[in-house]
Amino acid sequence: MKVDINKYIHHLEKVCSDYCLNASDVYNILISKNDENFPLTFETVKYKVLKDVNINILKNIFTIEELKSILEDTKLKRIKNEEIREFINTLK
């Protein structure tokens, strides 16, 4: 079943709105890992998303393969949410 990410992508909006990044910008940074034209690095955006967005929402926005790519090299010590930590461990 294909999930319509447009139904969920708005959850990314609040993550970096202080830096004039909209949901589409956040999504594109995470997918491409290209942060050259943005005020925040990929790493910063990734950790802000992991802090502010529920893992079930992220699963509706990204495929498992995309999440594996985005979350590789994530430092688990920086993740306070136990549910997200457990999910990241299952991807390895």
C-alpha atoms as a PDB file:
ATOM      1  CA  MET A   1       0.000   0.000   0.000  1.00  0.00           C
ATOM      2  CA  LYS A   2       1.476   3.313  -1.110  1.00  0.00           C
ATOM      3  CA  VAL A   3       1.076   6.094   1.439  1.00  0.00           C
ATOM      4  CA  ASP A   4       0.428   9.621   0.197  1.00  0.00           C
ATOM      5  CA  ILE A   5       3.331  11.508   1.782  1.00  0.00           C
ATOM      6  CA  ASN A   6       1.564  14.813   1.151  1.00  0.00           C
ATOM      7  CA  LYS A   7      -0.818  13.791   3.920  1.00  0.00           C
ATOM      8  CA  TYR A   8       2.099  13.627   6.397  1.00  0.00           C
ATOM      9  CA  ILE A   9       4.832  15.921   5.098  1.00  0.00           C
ATOM     10  CA  HIS A  10       3.378  18.931   6.913  1.00  0.00           C
ATOM     11  CA  HIS A  11       4.830  17.423  10.108  1.00  0.00           C
ATOM     12  CA  LEU A  12       8.253  18.439   8.813  1.00  0.00           C
ATOM     13  CA  GLU A  13       7.141  22.073   8.523  1.00  0.00           C
ATOM     14  CA  LYS A  14       7.600  22.988  12.186  1.00  0.00           C
ATOM     15  CA  VAL A  15      11.050  21.404  12.488  1.00  0.00           C
ATOM     16  CA  CYS A  16      13.097  24.153  10.877  1.00  0.00           C
ATOM     17  CA  SER A  17      10.621  26.972  10.330  1.00  0.00           C
ATOM     18  CA  ASP A  18      12.806  29.243  12.485  1.00  0.00           C
ATOM     19  CA  TYR A  19      15.396  28.962   9.719  1.00  0.00           C
ATOM     20  CA  CYS A  20      12.960  29.652   6.865  1.00  0.00           C
ATOM     21  CA  LEU A  21      12.941  26.007   5.784  1.00  0.00           C
ATOM     22  CA  ASN A  22       9.588  24.600   4.778  1.00  0.00           C
ATOM     23  CA  ALA A  23       8.527  20.946   4.827  1.00  0.00           C
ATOM     24  CA  SER A  24       9.657  20.424   1.249  1.00  0.00           C
ATOM     25  CA  ASP A  25      13.120  21.830   2.034  1.00  0.00           C
ATOM     26  CA  VAL A  26      13.479  19.540   5.046  1.00  0.00           C
ATOM     27  CA  TYR A  27      12.317  16.538   3.010  1.00  0.00           C
ATOM     28  CA  ASN A  28      14.730  17.307   0.175  1.00  0.00           C
ATOM     29  CA  ILE A  29      17.692  17.818   2.518  1.00  0.00           C
ATOM     30  CA  LEU A  30      17.007  14.481   4.182  1.00  0.00           C
ATOM     31  CA  ILE A  31      16.532  12.583   0.927  1.00  0.00           C
ATOM     32  CA  SER A  32      19.446  14.101  -0.967  1.00  0.00           C
ATOM     33  CA  LYS A  33      21.769  14.875   1.970  1.00  0.00           C
ATOM     34  CA  ASN A  34      22.553  18.039   0.023  1.00  0.00           C
ATOM     35  CA  ASP A  35      22.531  21.061   2.318  1.00  0.00           C
ATOM     36  CA  GLU A  36      24.638  23.496   0.287  1.00  0.00           C
ATOM     37  CA  ASN A  37      21.849  25.998  -0.335  1.00  0.00           C
ATOM     38  CA  PHE A  38      20.385  25.915   3.153  1.00  0.00           C
ATOM     39  CA  PRO A  39      21.251  27.535   6.496  1.00  0.00           C
ATOM     40  CA  LEU A  40      21.381  24.171   8.320  1.00  0.00           C
ATOM     41  CA  THR A  41      23.451  21.071   7.653  1.00  0.00           C
ATOM     42  CA  PHE A  42      21.964  17.681   6.853  1.00  0.00           C
ATOM     43  CA  GLU A  43      23.103  16.422  10.275  1.00  0.00           C
ATOM     44  CA  THR A  44      21.404  19.274  12.112  1.00  0.00           C
ATOM     45  CA  VAL A  45      18.165  18.823  10.170  1.00  0.00           C
ATOM     46  CA  LYS A  46      18.241  15.059  10.778  1.00  0.00           C
ATOM     47  CA  TYR A  47      18.585  15.428  14.544  1.00  0.00           C
ATOM     48  CA  LYS A  48      15.933  18.173  14.681  1.00  0.00           C
ATOM     49  CA  VAL A  49      13.522  15.889  12.807  1.00  0.00           C
ATOM     50  CA  LEU A  50      14.307  12.954  15.094  1.00  0.00           C
ATOM     51  CA  LYS A  51      13.661  15.167  18.104  1.00  0.00           C
ATOM     52  CA  ASP A  52      10.413  16.734  16.873  1.00  0.00           C
ATOM     53  CA  VAL A  53       8.669  14.173  14.649  1.00  0.00           C
ATOM     54  CA  ASN A  54       7.171  10.869  15.764  1.00  0.00           C
ATOM     55  CA  ILE A  55       8.789   7.790  14.224  1.00  0.00           C
ATOM     56  CA  ASN A  56       5.418   6.545  12.932  1.00  0.00           C
ATOM     57  CA  ILE A  57       4.999   9.792  10.997  1.00  0.00           C
ATOM     58  CA  LEU A  58       8.495   9.404   9.548  1.00  0.00           C
ATOM     59  CA  LYS A  59       7.605   5.872   8.422  1.00  0.00           C
ATOM     60  CA  ASN A  60       4.668   7.375   6.504  1.00  0.00           C
ATOM     61  CA  ILE A  61       6.827  10.016   4.837  1.00  0.00           C
ATOM     62  CA  PHE A  62       9.876   7.925   3.967  1.00  0.00           C
ATOM     63  CA  THR A  63      10.364   4.353   2.808  1.00  0.00           C
ATOM     64  CA  ILE A  64      12.399   2.000   4.965  1.00  0.00           C
ATOM     65  CA  GLU A  65      15.266   2.243   2.470  1.00  0.00           C
ATOM     66  CA  GLU A  66      15.156   6.042   2.627  1.00  0.00           C
ATOM     67  CA  LEU A  67      15.129   5.913   6.425  1.00  0.00           C
ATOM     68  CA  LYS A  68      18.117   3.559   6.397  1.00  0.00           C
ATOM     69  CA  SER A  69      20.005   6.029   4.241  1.00  0.00           C
ATOM     70  CA  ILE A  70      18.979   9.057   6.304  1.00  0.00           C
ATOM     71  CA  LEU A  71      19.685   7.415   9.647  1.00  0.00           C
ATOM     72  CA  GLU A  72      22.967   5.705   8.866  1.00  0.00           C
ATOM     73  CA  ASP A  73      25.762   7.022  11.065  1.00  0.00           C
ATOM     74  CA  THR A  74      23.267   8.420  13.574  1.00  0.00           C
ATOM     75  CA  LYS A  75      24.788   8.748  17.016  1.00  0.00           C
ATOM     76  CA  LEU A  76      22.345   6.989  19.316  1.00  0.00           C
ATOM     77  CA  LYS A  77      23.645   8.863  22.344  1.00  0.00           C
ATOM     78  CA  ARG A  78      22.168  12.040  20.841  1.00  0.00           C
ATOM     79  CA  ILE A  79      18.686  10.474  20.606  1.00  0.00           C
ATOM     80  CA  LYS A  80      16.655  10.808  23.796  1.00  0.00           C
ATOM     81  CA  ASN A  81      13.488   9.150  22.497  1.00  0.00           C
ATOM     82  CA  GLU A  82      13.760   5.435  23.268  1.00  0.00           C
ATOM     83  CA  GLU A  83      11.285   4.442  20.536  1.00  0.00           C
ATOM     84  CA  ILE A  84      13.415   6.160  17.894  1.00  0.00           C
ATOM     85  CA  ARG A  85      16.592   4.613  19.295  1.00  0.00           C
ATOM     86  CA  GLU A  86      15.044   1.147  19.089  1.00  0.00           C
ATOM     87  CA  PHE A  87      13.856   1.780  15.533  1.00  0.00           C
ATOM     88  CA  ILE A  88      17.321   2.897  14.435  1.00  0.00           C
ATOM     89  CA  ASN A  89      18.776  -0.276  15.945  1.00  0.00           C
ATOM     90  CA  THR A  90      16.356  -2.404  13.903  1.00  0.00           C
ATOM     91  CA  LEU A  91      17.655  -0.805  10.701  1.00  0.00           C
ATOM     92  CA  LYS A  92      21.179  -2.103  11.221  1.00  0.00           C
END
